Amino acid sequence: MSAKIALQLNAVLGMASTAAAGGTMWLVLTRPAEVAFAVANREYGAIAVAVASQLAGWLHALLRFL
């Protein structure tokens, strides 16, 4: 693997993790009771679905704007 490919992969992973962290924090700030309930019951799948839904909504809004 060349250095250029490794740097591009690192950039893509960094952007993906930043987007996931932003979506998670958005959920914590907008729906704290639901997030706390899901974490307390160890239902991490529900949080993952909510984050994915939020990211899809952001992407849809961005593409509609363009």
C-alpha atoms as a PDB file:
ATOM      1  CA  MET A   1       0.000   0.000   0.000  1.00  0.00           C
ATOM      2  CA  SER A   2       1.422   3.348  -0.984  1.00  0.00           C
ATOM      3  CA  ALA A   3       1.646   6.302   1.342  1.00  0.00           C
ATOM      4  CA  LYS A   4      -0.917   8.261  -0.683  1.00  0.00           C
ATOM      5  CA  ILE A   5      -3.563   5.537  -0.319  1.00  0.00           C
ATOM      6  CA  ALA A   6      -2.826   5.207   3.385  1.00  0.00           C
ATOM      7  CA  LEU A   7      -3.290   8.957   3.899  1.00  0.00           C
ATOM      8  CA  GLN A   8      -6.551   8.973   1.945  1.00  0.00           C
ATOM      9  CA  LEU A   9      -7.869   6.042   3.974  1.00  0.00           C
ATOM     10  CA  ASN A  10      -6.882   7.819   7.176  1.00  0.00           C
ATOM     11  CA  ALA A  11      -8.723  10.960   6.036  1.00  0.00           C
ATOM     12  CA  VAL A  12     -11.900   9.016   5.191  1.00  0.00           C
ATOM     13  CA  LEU A  13     -11.871   7.201   8.537  1.00  0.00           C
ATOM     14  CA  GLY A  14     -11.285  10.489  10.339  1.00  0.00           C
ATOM     15  CA  MET A  15     -14.235  12.164   8.630  1.00  0.00           C
ATOM     16  CA  ALA A  16     -16.484   9.174   9.309  1.00  0.00           C
ATOM     17  CA  SER A  17     -15.583   9.065  12.998  1.00  0.00           C
ATOM     18  CA  THR A  18     -16.081  12.828  13.305  1.00  0.00           C
ATOM     19  CA  ALA A  19     -19.530  12.565  11.711  1.00  0.00           C
ATOM     20  CA  ALA A  20     -20.489   9.673  14.003  1.00  0.00           C
ATOM     21  CA  ALA A  21     -19.306  11.582  17.075  1.00  0.00           C
ATOM     22  CA  GLY A  22     -21.236  14.662  15.962  1.00  0.00           C
ATOM     23  CA  GLY A  23     -24.386  12.614  15.454  1.00  0.00           C
ATOM     24  CA  THR A  24     -24.005  11.017  18.861  1.00  0.00           C
ATOM     25  CA  MET A  25     -23.541  14.356  20.589  1.00  0.00           C
ATOM     26  CA  TRP A  26     -26.534  15.767  18.707  1.00  0.00           C
ATOM     27  CA  LEU A  27     -28.662  12.934  20.069  1.00  0.00           C
ATOM     28  CA  VAL A  28     -27.338  13.447  23.597  1.00  0.00           C
ATOM     29  CA  LEU A  29     -28.246  17.127  23.430  1.00  0.00           C
ATOM     30  CA  THR A  30     -31.633  16.793  21.714  1.00  0.00           C
ATOM     31  CA  ARG A  31     -32.956  13.529  23.243  1.00  0.00           C
ATOM     32  CA  PRO A  32     -31.046  12.935  26.480  1.00  0.00           C
ATOM     33  CA  ALA A  33     -33.708  10.791  28.154  1.00  0.00           C
ATOM     34  CA  GLU A  34     -33.900   8.334  25.258  1.00  0.00           C
ATOM     35  CA  VAL A  35     -30.109   8.050  25.036  1.00  0.00           C
ATOM     36  CA  ALA A  36     -29.764   7.546  28.782  1.00  0.00           C
ATOM     37  CA  PHE A  37     -32.479   4.872  28.757  1.00  0.00           C
ATOM     38  CA  ALA A  38     -30.834   3.043  25.843  1.00  0.00           C
ATOM     39  CA  VAL A  39     -27.401   3.136  27.474  1.00  0.00           C
ATOM     40  CA  ALA A  40     -28.787   2.026  30.841  1.00  0.00           C
ATOM     41  CA  ASN A  41     -30.458  -0.969  29.201  1.00  0.00           C
ATOM     42  CA  ARG A  42     -27.431  -1.646  26.996  1.00  0.00           C
ATOM     43  CA  GLU A  43     -29.428  -1.223  23.801  1.00  0.00           C
ATOM     44  CA  TYR A  44     -26.621   0.193  21.690  1.00  0.00           C
ATOM     45  CA  GLY A  45     -28.314  -0.867  18.472  1.00  0.00           C
ATOM     46  CA  ALA A  46     -31.047   1.697  19.049  1.00  0.00           C
ATOM     47  CA  ILE A  47     -28.440   4.429  19.440  1.00  0.00           C
ATOM     48  CA  ALA A  48     -26.627   3.294  16.297  1.00  0.00           C
ATOM     49  CA  VAL A  49     -29.878   3.362  14.308  1.00  0.00           C
ATOM     50  CA  ALA A  50     -30.715   6.831  15.643  1.00  0.00           C
ATOM     51  CA  VAL A  51     -27.240   8.149  14.760  1.00  0.00           C
ATOM     52  CA  ALA A  52     -27.444   6.643  11.271  1.00  0.00           C
ATOM     53  CA  SER A  53     -30.888   8.168  10.800  1.00  0.00           C
ATOM     54  CA  GLN A  54     -29.619  11.553  11.923  1.00  0.00           C
ATOM     55  CA  LEU A  55     -26.619  11.390   9.586  1.00  0.00           C
ATOM     56  CA  ALA A  56     -28.885  10.385   6.698  1.00  0.00           C
ATOM     57  CA  GLY A  57     -31.121  13.356   7.448  1.00  0.00           C
ATOM     58  CA  TRP A  58     -28.138  15.698   7.428  1.00  0.00           C
ATOM     59  CA  LEU A  59     -26.918  14.229   4.137  1.00  0.00           C
ATOM     60  CA  HIS A  60     -30.396  14.545   2.619  1.00  0.00           C
ATOM     61  CA  ALA A  61     -30.618  18.191   3.684  1.00  0.00           C
ATOM     62  CA  LEU A  62     -27.149  18.903   2.278  1.00  0.00           C
ATOM     63  CA  LEU A  63     -27.911  17.279  -1.062  1.00  0.00           C
ATOM     64  CA  ARG A  64     -31.255  19.081  -1.303  1.00  0.00           C
ATOM     65  CA  PHE A  65     -29.419  22.368  -0.666  1.00  0.00           C
ATOM     66  CA  LEU A  66     -26.938  21.675  -3.466  1.00  0.00           C
END
